[in-house]
Amino acid sequence: MKKKSSQPARKPRTDALRNRERILEVAKGAFTRYGATTSLDDIAKQAGVGAGTLYRHFPTRDALIEAVYRSEVEKLAAAAHGFAATISPVEALRAWLLLFVDYVAAKHIIAPALNSVAGGPSKLYEGSRSLVQGAIEELVKRAKKSGEVRRDVDASDLLRAVIGVSYVGAGGDWQQSARRLVDILVAGSRPAN
């Protein structure tokens, strides 16, 4: 039987964290361009690391695909805090919704790679839903508190509207339409004067 260590887990080295982030960024681009079957060795080369470094961080292709998706969701959630700390509540909500459009676009592109993950993407989507929902709910709550949006604005309705426009049009211009919709939603969320 192993003894439990009383020492806290060691923090990853800065260079290890940098390597991990670089791998994730390169992998996102590769999965977007070439799909789930892209060469992991090529990803390692493009990231400027050895294959051993890639496999140390991501022992399987599925682990890398999942990590890319989770990283994008975490960035989206973190952006809500960054926007809230630097711009007005209604502008923070608008900026986050525009970023959400980009996230949905990236999700559409990487979806074929996500579909290759064992068990399918549904378990990944379930875990991300609470992060995304929590981020927009905080932004809407802050905007309501400031009086910059109406009290009856529902965070879920805003998400559904943006997601909906991404599925309605199969054409390549849905992102421009979604961006216009964000401005319409924000304008419609403002209190009547």
N, C-alpha and C. Protein backbone atom coordinates (compact mmCIF):
# COMPACT_ATOMS: atom_id res chain seq x y z
N MET A 1 0.85 -1.18 0.00
CA MET A 1 0.00 0.00 0.00
C MET A 1 0.89 1.24 0.00
N LYS A 2 0.57 2.18 -0.89
CA LYS A 2 1.34 3.42 -0.98
C LYS A 2 0.96 4.37 0.13
N LYS A 3 1.97 5.08 0.62
CA LYS A 3 1.70 6.12 1.60
C LYS A 3 1.18 7.36 0.88
N LYS A 4 0.26 8.03 1.51
CA LYS A 4 -0.23 9.28 0.95
C LYS A 4 0.78 10.37 1.25
N SER A 5 1.09 11.15 0.28
CA SER A 5 2.02 12.24 0.45
C SER A 5 1.32 13.40 1.13
N SER A 6 1.98 13.98 2.11
CA SER A 6 1.39 15.12 2.81
C SER A 6 1.74 16.42 2.11
N GLN A 7 2.58 16.35 1.08
CA GLN A 7 2.95 17.55 0.34
C GLN A 7 1.89 17.84 -0.73
N PRO A 8 1.61 19.12 -0.91
CA PRO A 8 0.63 19.48 -1.94
C PRO A 8 1.18 19.14 -3.33
N ALA A 9 0.25 18.93 -4.25
CA ALA A 9 0.64 18.63 -5.63
C ALA A 9 1.45 19.79 -6.19
N ARG A 10 2.50 19.45 -6.89
CA ARG A 10 3.39 20.46 -7.44
C ARG A 10 2.72 21.15 -8.61
N LYS A 11 2.85 22.48 -8.67
CA LYS A 11 2.30 23.23 -9.78
C LYS A 11 3.11 22.94 -11.04
N PRO A 12 2.43 22.85 -12.18
CA PRO A 12 3.16 22.61 -13.43
C PRO A 12 4.14 23.77 -13.70
N ARG A 13 5.24 23.44 -14.31
CA ARG A 13 6.22 24.47 -14.66
C ARG A 13 5.63 25.40 -15.71
N THR A 14 6.15 26.61 -15.74
CA THR A 14 5.67 27.60 -16.69
C THR A 14 5.85 27.13 -18.12
N ASP A 15 7.00 26.52 -18.43
CA ASP A 15 7.22 26.05 -19.79
C ASP A 15 6.28 24.91 -20.15
N ALA A 16 5.93 24.07 -19.18
CA ALA A 16 4.98 22.98 -19.44
C ALA A 16 3.59 23.55 -19.74
N LEU A 17 3.20 24.57 -19.01
CA LEU A 17 1.91 25.21 -19.27
C LEU A 17 1.90 25.89 -20.64
N ARG A 18 3.00 26.53 -20.97
CA ARG A 18 3.13 27.19 -22.28
C ARG A 18 3.05 26.15 -23.40
N ASN A 19 3.74 25.02 -23.22
CA ASN A 19 3.69 23.95 -24.22
C ASN A 19 2.26 23.44 -24.40
N ARG A 20 1.58 23.23 -23.28
CA ARG A 20 0.21 22.72 -23.33
C ARG A 20 -0.70 23.68 -24.10
N GLU A 21 -0.59 24.97 -23.79
CA GLU A 21 -1.41 25.97 -24.47
C GLU A 21 -1.09 26.04 -25.96
N ARG A 22 0.17 25.95 -26.29
CA ARG A 22 0.58 25.98 -27.71
C ARG A 22 0.03 24.76 -28.45
N ILE A 23 0.12 23.60 -27.82
CA ILE A 23 -0.42 22.37 -28.43
C ILE A 23 -1.92 22.53 -28.68
N LEU A 24 -2.64 23.05 -27.69
CA LEU A 24 -4.09 23.22 -27.83
C LEU A 24 -4.42 24.18 -28.97
N GLU A 25 -3.68 25.27 -29.08
CA GLU A 25 -3.93 26.25 -30.13
C GLU A 25 -3.68 25.64 -31.51
N VAL A 26 -2.56 24.95 -31.67
CA VAL A 26 -2.23 24.32 -32.95
C VAL A 26 -3.25 23.22 -33.27
N ALA A 27 -3.61 22.42 -32.27
CA ALA A 27 -4.57 21.33 -32.48
C ALA A 27 -5.93 21.87 -32.90
N LYS A 28 -6.36 22.97 -32.31
CA LYS A 28 -7.65 23.56 -32.71
C LYS A 28 -7.62 23.90 -34.19
N GLY A 29 -6.56 24.54 -34.64
CA GLY A 29 -6.45 24.88 -36.05
C GLY A 29 -6.40 23.65 -36.94
N ALA A 30 -5.64 22.64 -36.52
CA ALA A 30 -5.51 21.41 -37.32
C ALA A 30 -6.82 20.65 -37.40
N PHE A 31 -7.52 20.51 -36.27
CA PHE A 31 -8.80 19.80 -36.29
C PHE A 31 -9.82 20.56 -37.11
N THR A 32 -9.73 21.89 -37.09
CA THR A 32 -10.64 22.72 -37.86
C THR A 32 -10.40 22.53 -39.36
N ARG A 33 -9.13 22.52 -39.76
CA ARG A 33 -8.79 22.42 -41.18
C ARG A 33 -8.87 21.00 -41.71
N TYR A 34 -8.38 20.02 -40.94
CA TYR A 34 -8.20 18.67 -41.48
C TYR A 34 -9.06 17.60 -40.82
N GLY A 35 -9.78 17.94 -39.76
CA GLY A 35 -10.64 16.97 -39.10
C GLY A 35 -9.92 16.17 -38.02
N ALA A 36 -10.64 15.22 -37.47
CA ALA A 36 -10.16 14.46 -36.31
C ALA A 36 -8.99 13.55 -36.62
N THR A 37 -8.79 13.24 -37.89
CA THR A 37 -7.73 12.29 -38.22
C THR A 37 -6.39 12.95 -38.50
N THR A 38 -6.29 14.23 -38.29
CA THR A 38 -5.03 14.92 -38.53
C THR A 38 -3.91 14.27 -37.71
N SER A 39 -2.71 14.32 -38.21
CA SER A 39 -1.57 13.68 -37.57
C SER A 39 -1.19 14.38 -36.27
N LEU A 40 -1.14 13.60 -35.19
CA LEU A 40 -0.72 14.18 -33.92
C LEU A 40 0.76 14.55 -33.95
N ASP A 41 1.55 13.81 -34.69
CA ASP A 41 2.97 14.15 -34.84
C ASP A 41 3.11 15.50 -35.55
N ASP A 42 2.27 15.76 -36.54
CA ASP A 42 2.30 17.06 -37.22
C ASP A 42 1.89 18.18 -36.27
N ILE A 43 0.91 17.92 -35.43
CA ILE A 43 0.50 18.92 -34.43
C ILE A 43 1.67 19.23 -33.51
N ALA A 44 2.36 18.19 -33.04
CA ALA A 44 3.51 18.39 -32.16
C ALA A 44 4.57 19.24 -32.86
N LYS A 45 4.88 18.91 -34.11
CA LYS A 45 5.90 19.67 -34.87
C LYS A 45 5.50 21.13 -35.01
N GLN A 46 4.26 21.37 -35.39
CA GLN A 46 3.78 22.74 -35.58
C GLN A 46 3.78 23.51 -34.26
N ALA A 47 3.57 22.81 -33.16
CA ALA A 47 3.57 23.45 -31.85
C ALA A 47 4.99 23.66 -31.32
N GLY A 48 5.97 23.08 -32.01
CA GLY A 48 7.36 23.24 -31.60
C GLY A 48 7.74 22.39 -30.40
N VAL A 49 7.05 21.23 -30.27
CA VAL A 49 7.36 20.30 -29.17
C VAL A 49 7.56 18.91 -29.75
N GLY A 50 8.15 18.05 -28.97
CA GLY A 50 8.31 16.67 -29.40
C GLY A 50 7.02 15.90 -29.20
N ALA A 51 6.93 14.77 -29.90
CA ALA A 51 5.73 13.92 -29.77
C ALA A 51 5.55 13.46 -28.33
N GLY A 52 6.65 13.19 -27.63
CA GLY A 52 6.57 12.77 -26.23
C GLY A 52 5.90 13.82 -25.36
N THR A 53 6.20 15.09 -25.62
CA THR A 53 5.58 16.17 -24.86
C THR A 53 4.07 16.21 -25.12
N LEU A 54 3.69 16.06 -26.39
CA LEU A 54 2.27 16.05 -26.71
C LEU A 54 1.57 14.90 -25.98
N TYR A 55 2.14 13.70 -26.06
CA TYR A 55 1.50 12.53 -25.44
C TYR A 55 1.54 12.58 -23.92
N ARG A 56 2.51 13.28 -23.35
CA ARG A 56 2.54 13.44 -21.89
C ARG A 56 1.34 14.27 -21.43
N HIS A 57 1.03 15.28 -22.21
CA HIS A 57 -0.13 16.13 -21.88
C HIS A 57 -1.45 15.50 -22.29
N PHE A 58 -1.45 14.84 -23.45
CA PHE A 58 -2.67 14.29 -24.03
C PHE A 58 -2.39 12.87 -24.52
N PRO A 59 -2.63 11.88 -23.67
CA PRO A 59 -2.23 10.51 -24.00
C PRO A 59 -2.98 9.89 -25.18
N THR A 60 -4.13 10.44 -25.53
CA THR A 60 -4.90 9.90 -26.66
C THR A 60 -5.41 11.04 -27.53
N ARG A 61 -5.80 10.70 -28.73
CA ARG A 61 -6.41 11.67 -29.64
C ARG A 61 -7.67 12.25 -29.01
N ASP A 62 -8.50 11.38 -28.42
CA ASP A 62 -9.73 11.86 -27.78
C ASP A 62 -9.42 12.86 -26.66
N ALA A 63 -8.37 12.59 -25.90
CA ALA A 63 -8.00 13.50 -24.81
C ALA A 63 -7.64 14.87 -25.36
N LEU A 64 -6.96 14.90 -26.50
CA LEU A 64 -6.58 16.18 -27.11
C LEU A 64 -7.81 16.90 -27.66
N ILE A 65 -8.68 16.18 -28.34
CA ILE A 65 -9.89 16.80 -28.89
C ILE A 65 -10.74 17.37 -27.76
N GLU A 66 -10.93 16.60 -26.70
CA GLU A 66 -11.70 17.07 -25.55
C GLU A 66 -11.06 18.30 -24.93
N ALA A 67 -9.74 18.29 -24.80
CA ALA A 67 -9.04 19.42 -24.19
C ALA A 67 -9.17 20.68 -25.03
N VAL A 68 -9.13 20.54 -26.36
CA VAL A 68 -9.32 21.70 -27.24
C VAL A 68 -10.69 22.30 -26.99
N TYR A 69 -11.71 21.47 -26.97
CA TYR A 69 -13.07 21.97 -26.77
C TYR A 69 -13.22 22.61 -25.40
N ARG A 70 -12.74 21.94 -24.36
CA ARG A 70 -12.85 22.49 -23.00
C ARG A 70 -12.11 23.82 -22.88
N SER A 71 -10.96 23.91 -23.51
CA SER A 71 -10.18 25.15 -23.48
C SER A 71 -10.98 26.30 -24.07
N GLU A 72 -11.66 26.05 -25.18
CA GLU A 72 -12.47 27.10 -25.81
C GLU A 72 -13.62 27.53 -24.90
N VAL A 73 -14.24 26.58 -24.25
CA VAL A 73 -15.35 26.90 -23.33
C VAL A 73 -14.82 27.71 -22.14
N GLU A 74 -13.69 27.29 -21.61
CA GLU A 74 -13.10 28.00 -20.46
C GLU A 74 -12.72 29.43 -20.83
N LYS A 75 -12.19 29.63 -22.03
CA LYS A 75 -11.84 30.98 -22.49
C LYS A 75 -13.09 31.83 -22.60
N LEU A 76 -14.16 31.24 -23.11
CA LEU A 76 -15.43 31.97 -23.24
C LEU A 76 -15.95 32.38 -21.87
N ALA A 77 -15.93 31.46 -20.92
CA ALA A 77 -16.40 31.77 -19.56
C ALA A 77 -15.52 32.82 -18.90
N ALA A 78 -14.22 32.71 -19.06
CA ALA A 78 -13.30 33.68 -18.46
C ALA A 78 -13.46 35.07 -19.07
N ALA A 79 -13.79 35.11 -20.34
CA ALA A 79 -13.98 36.40 -21.01
C ALA A 79 -15.10 37.20 -20.36
N ALA A 80 -16.12 36.53 -19.84
CA ALA A 80 -17.21 37.24 -19.17
C ALA A 80 -16.68 38.03 -17.99
N HIS A 81 -15.79 37.43 -17.23
CA HIS A 81 -15.20 38.12 -16.07
C HIS A 81 -14.33 39.29 -16.53
N GLY A 82 -13.56 39.07 -17.58
CA GLY A 82 -12.71 40.14 -18.10
C GLY A 82 -13.51 41.32 -18.61
N PHE A 83 -14.57 41.03 -19.36
CA PHE A 83 -15.42 42.11 -19.86
C PHE A 83 -16.10 42.85 -18.71
N ALA A 84 -16.61 42.09 -17.73
CA ALA A 84 -17.30 42.71 -16.59
C ALA A 84 -16.38 43.64 -15.81
N ALA A 85 -15.11 43.31 -15.78
CA ALA A 85 -14.16 44.12 -15.01
C ALA A 85 -13.70 45.37 -15.76
N THR A 86 -13.93 45.43 -17.05
CA THR A 86 -13.34 46.53 -17.82
C THR A 86 -14.32 47.42 -18.57
N ILE A 87 -15.53 46.95 -18.83
CA ILE A 87 -16.47 47.79 -19.59
C ILE A 87 -17.84 47.79 -18.93
N SER A 88 -18.70 48.69 -19.37
CA SER A 88 -20.03 48.83 -18.76
C SER A 88 -20.81 47.52 -18.87
N PRO A 89 -21.77 47.32 -17.98
CA PRO A 89 -22.52 46.05 -18.00
C PRO A 89 -23.16 45.70 -19.33
N VAL A 90 -23.80 46.64 -19.99
CA VAL A 90 -24.47 46.32 -21.25
C VAL A 90 -23.44 46.07 -22.35
N GLU A 91 -22.33 46.80 -22.34
CA GLU A 91 -21.28 46.58 -23.33
C GLU A 91 -20.56 45.25 -23.08
N ALA A 92 -20.44 44.87 -21.80
CA ALA A 92 -19.84 43.57 -21.46
C ALA A 92 -20.73 42.45 -22.00
N LEU A 93 -22.04 42.60 -21.83
CA LEU A 93 -22.98 41.60 -22.35
C LEU A 93 -22.87 41.52 -23.87
N ARG A 94 -22.85 42.65 -24.53
CA ARG A 94 -22.73 42.68 -26.00
C ARG A 94 -21.42 42.04 -26.46
N ALA A 95 -20.33 42.41 -25.85
CA ALA A 95 -19.01 41.87 -26.23
C ALA A 95 -18.98 40.35 -26.04
N TRP A 96 -19.56 39.88 -24.95
CA TRP A 96 -19.57 38.44 -24.69
C TRP A 96 -20.44 37.71 -25.71
N LEU A 97 -21.60 38.28 -26.04
CA LEU A 97 -22.47 37.64 -27.03
C LEU A 97 -21.78 37.58 -28.40
N LEU A 98 -21.03 38.60 -28.76
CA LEU A 98 -20.28 38.56 -30.02
C LEU A 98 -19.21 37.48 -29.97
N LEU A 99 -18.55 37.33 -28.83
CA LEU A 99 -17.57 36.27 -28.66
C LEU A 99 -18.25 34.90 -28.71
N PHE A 100 -19.46 34.81 -28.19
CA PHE A 100 -20.22 33.58 -28.23
C PHE A 100 -20.52 33.17 -29.67
N VAL A 101 -20.78 34.15 -30.54
CA VAL A 101 -20.98 33.86 -31.97
C VAL A 101 -19.73 33.17 -32.52
N ASP A 102 -18.56 33.70 -32.17
CA ASP A 102 -17.30 33.08 -32.64
C ASP A 102 -17.14 31.67 -32.08
N TYR A 103 -17.52 31.49 -30.82
CA TYR A 103 -17.45 30.16 -30.19
C TYR A 103 -18.36 29.17 -30.92
N VAL A 104 -19.57 29.59 -31.23
CA VAL A 104 -20.50 28.71 -31.95
C VAL A 104 -19.93 28.36 -33.33
N ALA A 105 -19.33 29.33 -33.99
CA ALA A 105 -18.72 29.07 -35.30
C ALA A 105 -17.60 28.05 -35.17
N ALA A 106 -16.75 28.21 -34.16
CA ALA A 106 -15.65 27.25 -33.95
C ALA A 106 -16.21 25.88 -33.61
N LYS A 107 -17.27 25.85 -32.84
CA LYS A 107 -17.89 24.57 -32.47
C LYS A 107 -18.43 23.86 -33.71
N HIS A 108 -19.03 24.61 -34.63
CA HIS A 108 -19.51 24.01 -35.88
C HIS A 108 -18.36 23.40 -36.68
N ILE A 109 -17.26 24.12 -36.73
CA ILE A 109 -16.12 23.66 -37.52
C ILE A 109 -15.47 22.43 -36.91
N ILE A 110 -15.34 22.41 -35.58
CA ILE A 110 -14.64 21.30 -34.93
C ILE A 110 -15.59 20.15 -34.61
N ALA A 111 -16.88 20.33 -34.87
CA ALA A 111 -17.86 19.28 -34.56
C ALA A 111 -17.51 17.91 -35.13
N PRO A 112 -17.05 17.81 -36.38
CA PRO A 112 -16.69 16.48 -36.88
C PRO A 112 -15.61 15.80 -36.02
N ALA A 113 -14.64 16.59 -35.55
CA ALA A 113 -13.61 16.02 -34.67
C ALA A 113 -14.22 15.62 -33.33
N LEU A 114 -15.12 16.44 -32.82
CA LEU A 114 -15.77 16.12 -31.54
C LEU A 114 -16.61 14.84 -31.66
N ASN A 115 -17.19 14.64 -32.83
CA ASN A 115 -18.00 13.43 -33.04
C ASN A 115 -17.18 12.15 -32.98
N SER A 116 -15.87 12.27 -33.16
CA SER A 116 -15.02 11.08 -33.11
C SER A 116 -14.69 10.65 -31.69
N VAL A 117 -14.94 11.52 -30.71
CA VAL A 117 -14.63 11.21 -29.32
C VAL A 117 -15.50 10.05 -28.85
N ALA A 118 -14.89 9.13 -28.12
CA ALA A 118 -15.63 7.97 -27.60
C ALA A 118 -16.84 8.46 -26.81
N GLY A 119 -17.99 7.93 -27.12
CA GLY A 119 -19.21 8.34 -26.44
C GLY A 119 -19.86 9.56 -27.08
N GLY A 120 -19.23 10.13 -28.10
CA GLY A 120 -19.80 11.28 -28.79
C GLY A 120 -19.61 12.56 -28.01
N PRO A 121 -20.01 13.66 -28.60
CA PRO A 121 -19.76 14.97 -28.00
C PRO A 121 -20.73 15.34 -26.88
N SER A 122 -21.80 14.59 -26.70
CA SER A 122 -22.83 15.02 -25.75
C SER A 122 -22.29 15.19 -24.33
N LYS A 123 -21.37 14.33 -23.90
CA LYS A 123 -20.83 14.49 -22.54
C LYS A 123 -19.98 15.76 -22.44
N LEU A 124 -19.31 16.11 -23.52
CA LEU A 124 -18.54 17.36 -23.52
C LEU A 124 -19.48 18.56 -23.47
N TYR A 125 -20.54 18.52 -24.27
CA TYR A 125 -21.48 19.63 -24.31
C TYR A 125 -22.16 19.81 -22.96
N GLU A 126 -22.50 18.72 -22.30
CA GLU A 126 -23.16 18.82 -20.99
C GLU A 126 -22.28 19.58 -20.01
N GLY A 127 -21.00 19.24 -19.97
CA GLY A 127 -20.09 19.90 -19.04
C GLY A 127 -19.89 21.36 -19.35
N SER A 128 -19.96 21.72 -20.62
CA SER A 128 -19.72 23.11 -20.99
C SER A 128 -20.96 23.98 -20.79
N ARG A 129 -22.11 23.37 -20.87
CA ARG A 129 -23.35 24.14 -20.79
C ARG A 129 -23.43 24.97 -19.51
N SER A 130 -23.03 24.40 -18.38
CA SER A 130 -23.12 25.14 -17.12
C SER A 130 -22.14 26.31 -17.08
N LEU A 131 -20.95 26.15 -17.66
CA LEU A 131 -20.00 27.26 -17.70
C LEU A 131 -20.53 28.41 -18.55
N VAL A 132 -21.05 28.08 -19.72
CA VAL A 132 -21.59 29.10 -20.62
C VAL A 132 -22.80 29.77 -19.98
N GLN A 133 -23.69 28.98 -19.44
CA GLN A 133 -24.90 29.52 -18.82
C GLN A 133 -24.55 30.42 -17.63
N GLY A 134 -23.62 29.98 -16.82
CA GLY A 134 -23.21 30.78 -15.67
C GLY A 134 -22.60 32.11 -16.08
N ALA A 135 -21.82 32.10 -17.14
CA ALA A 135 -21.18 33.33 -17.62
C ALA A 135 -22.21 34.34 -18.08
N ILE A 136 -23.16 33.93 -18.90
CA ILE A 136 -24.14 34.90 -19.40
C ILE A 136 -25.10 35.32 -18.31
N GLU A 137 -25.44 34.42 -17.41
CA GLU A 137 -26.34 34.80 -16.32
C GLU A 137 -25.72 35.90 -15.45
N GLU A 138 -24.43 35.80 -15.18
CA GLU A 138 -23.75 36.84 -14.40
C GLU A 138 -23.76 38.17 -15.14
N LEU A 139 -23.51 38.14 -16.44
CA LEU A 139 -23.50 39.37 -17.22
C LEU A 139 -24.89 40.01 -17.26
N VAL A 140 -25.91 39.19 -17.45
CA VAL A 140 -27.28 39.72 -17.49
C VAL A 140 -27.67 40.26 -16.12
N LYS A 141 -27.32 39.55 -15.08
CA LYS A 141 -27.62 39.99 -13.71
C LYS A 141 -26.98 41.36 -13.43
N ARG A 142 -25.74 41.49 -13.83
CA ARG A 142 -25.01 42.76 -13.63
C ARG A 142 -25.66 43.88 -14.44
N ALA A 143 -26.06 43.59 -15.68
CA ALA A 143 -26.69 44.60 -16.52
C ALA A 143 -28.06 45.01 -15.97
N LYS A 144 -28.80 44.04 -15.43
CA LYS A 144 -30.09 44.36 -14.81
C LYS A 144 -29.89 45.25 -13.59
N LYS A 145 -28.93 44.88 -12.77
CA LYS A 145 -28.65 45.64 -11.54
C LYS A 145 -28.28 47.08 -11.86
N SER A 146 -27.57 47.30 -12.95
CA SER A 146 -27.16 48.66 -13.33
C SER A 146 -28.31 49.44 -13.96
N GLY A 147 -29.39 48.73 -14.34
CA GLY A 147 -30.50 49.38 -15.00
C GLY A 147 -30.30 49.53 -16.50
N GLU A 148 -29.23 48.92 -17.03
CA GLU A 148 -28.95 49.05 -18.46
C GLU A 148 -29.76 48.08 -19.32
N VAL A 149 -30.33 47.04 -18.70
CA VAL A 149 -31.26 46.17 -19.41
C VAL A 149 -32.50 45.98 -18.56
N ARG A 150 -33.57 45.62 -19.24
CA ARG A 150 -34.85 45.43 -18.57
C ARG A 150 -34.79 44.26 -17.59
N ARG A 151 -35.64 44.28 -16.61
CA ARG A 151 -35.71 43.24 -15.59
C ARG A 151 -36.21 41.90 -16.14
N ASP A 152 -36.97 41.92 -17.24
CA ASP A 152 -37.52 40.68 -17.77
C ASP A 152 -36.62 39.98 -18.79
N VAL A 153 -35.42 40.50 -19.01
CA VAL A 153 -34.48 39.87 -19.94
C VAL A 153 -34.01 38.55 -19.34
N ASP A 154 -34.05 37.50 -20.15
CA ASP A 154 -33.66 36.17 -19.69
C ASP A 154 -32.38 35.75 -20.43
N ALA A 155 -31.37 35.37 -19.68
CA ALA A 155 -30.08 34.97 -20.27
C ALA A 155 -30.25 33.81 -21.24
N SER A 156 -31.08 32.84 -20.88
CA SER A 156 -31.29 31.67 -21.75
C SER A 156 -31.91 32.06 -23.08
N ASP A 157 -32.81 33.04 -23.07
CA ASP A 157 -33.42 33.51 -24.32
C ASP A 157 -32.37 34.11 -25.24
N LEU A 158 -31.44 34.86 -24.68
CA LEU A 158 -30.38 35.45 -25.50
C LEU A 158 -29.52 34.37 -26.13
N LEU A 159 -29.15 33.36 -25.35
CA LEU A 159 -28.36 32.25 -25.89
C LEU A 159 -29.11 31.52 -26.99
N ARG A 160 -30.38 31.21 -26.75
CA ARG A 160 -31.18 30.48 -27.74
C ARG A 160 -31.27 31.25 -29.05
N ALA A 161 -31.42 32.56 -28.95
CA ALA A 161 -31.54 33.37 -30.17
C ALA A 161 -30.26 33.30 -30.99
N VAL A 162 -29.11 33.43 -30.34
CA VAL A 162 -27.84 33.39 -31.07
C VAL A 162 -27.58 32.00 -31.62
N ILE A 163 -27.84 30.98 -30.82
CA ILE A 163 -27.65 29.61 -31.29
C ILE A 163 -28.60 29.31 -32.44
N GLY A 164 -29.83 29.77 -32.30
CA GLY A 164 -30.84 29.52 -33.33
C GLY A 164 -30.45 30.06 -34.69
N VAL A 165 -29.92 31.27 -34.73
CA VAL A 165 -29.55 31.85 -36.02
C VAL A 165 -28.39 31.07 -36.64
N SER A 166 -27.60 30.42 -35.83
CA SER A 166 -26.48 29.64 -36.37
C SER A 166 -26.96 28.35 -37.03
N TYR A 167 -28.14 27.89 -36.66
CA TYR A 167 -28.67 26.66 -37.25
C TYR A 167 -29.68 26.91 -38.36
N VAL A 168 -30.26 28.10 -38.39
CA VAL A 168 -31.27 28.41 -39.39
C VAL A 168 -30.65 28.51 -40.77
N GLY A 169 -29.58 29.28 -40.88
CA GLY A 169 -28.96 29.47 -42.18
C GLY A 169 -27.77 28.56 -42.35
N ALA A 170 -27.81 27.75 -43.36
CA ALA A 170 -26.68 26.87 -43.63
C ALA A 170 -25.61 27.60 -44.40
N GLY A 171 -25.94 28.79 -44.89
CA GLY A 171 -24.98 29.56 -45.67
C GLY A 171 -23.84 30.08 -44.82
N GLY A 172 -22.81 30.55 -45.49
CA GLY A 172 -21.62 31.03 -44.80
C GLY A 172 -21.79 32.39 -44.15
N ASP A 173 -22.92 33.05 -44.39
CA ASP A 173 -23.08 34.39 -43.83
C ASP A 173 -23.84 34.41 -42.50
N TRP A 174 -24.05 33.25 -41.90
CA TRP A 174 -24.81 33.22 -40.65
C TRP A 174 -24.11 34.01 -39.55
N GLN A 175 -22.78 34.07 -39.57
CA GLN A 175 -22.08 34.81 -38.52
C GLN A 175 -22.38 36.30 -38.59
N GLN A 176 -22.41 36.86 -39.78
CA GLN A 176 -22.75 38.28 -39.92
C GLN A 176 -24.18 38.51 -39.43
N SER A 177 -25.06 37.59 -39.79
CA SER A 177 -26.45 37.69 -39.33
C SER A 177 -26.52 37.60 -37.81
N ALA A 178 -25.75 36.70 -37.23
CA ALA A 178 -25.75 36.53 -35.77
C ALA A 178 -25.21 37.79 -35.09
N ARG A 179 -24.20 38.41 -35.67
CA ARG A 179 -23.65 39.65 -35.10
C ARG A 179 -24.69 40.78 -35.14
N ARG A 180 -25.42 40.87 -36.24
CA ARG A 180 -26.50 41.86 -36.31
C ARG A 180 -27.57 41.54 -35.28
N LEU A 181 -27.87 40.26 -35.12
CA LEU A 181 -28.86 39.85 -34.14
C LEU A 181 -28.44 40.24 -32.73
N VAL A 182 -27.15 40.11 -32.41
CA VAL A 182 -26.66 40.52 -31.08
C VAL A 182 -27.00 41.98 -30.84
N ASP A 183 -26.75 42.84 -31.83
CA ASP A 183 -27.06 44.26 -31.65
C ASP A 183 -28.55 44.49 -31.48
N ILE A 184 -29.36 43.75 -32.22
CA ILE A 184 -30.82 43.86 -32.08
C ILE A 184 -31.25 43.39 -30.70
N LEU A 185 -30.70 42.27 -30.24
CA LEU A 185 -31.05 41.75 -28.92
C LEU A 185 -30.66 42.72 -27.81
N VAL A 186 -29.47 43.28 -27.91
CA VAL A 186 -29.01 44.22 -26.88
C VAL A 186 -29.89 45.47 -26.90
N ALA A 187 -30.17 46.00 -28.09
CA ALA A 187 -31.04 47.18 -28.19
C ALA A 187 -32.43 46.88 -27.62
N GLY A 188 -32.96 45.71 -27.95
CA GLY A 188 -34.29 45.32 -27.47
C GLY A 188 -34.32 45.02 -25.97
N SER A 189 -33.17 44.79 -25.39
CA SER A 189 -33.09 44.49 -23.96
C SER A 189 -33.00 45.75 -23.11
N ARG A 190 -32.77 46.87 -23.77
CA ARG A 190 -32.63 48.12 -23.02
C ARG A 190 -34.00 48.57 -22.51
N PRO A 191 -34.05 49.22 -21.36
CA PRO A 191 -35.34 49.70 -20.85
C PRO A 191 -35.90 50.83 -21.74
N ALA A 192 -37.22 50.90 -21.81
CA ALA A 192 -37.87 51.97 -22.56
C ALA A 192 -37.66 53.28 -21.82
N ASN A 193 -37.37 54.32 -22.55
CA ASN A 193 -37.14 55.64 -21.89
C ASN A 193 -38.39 56.39 -21.67
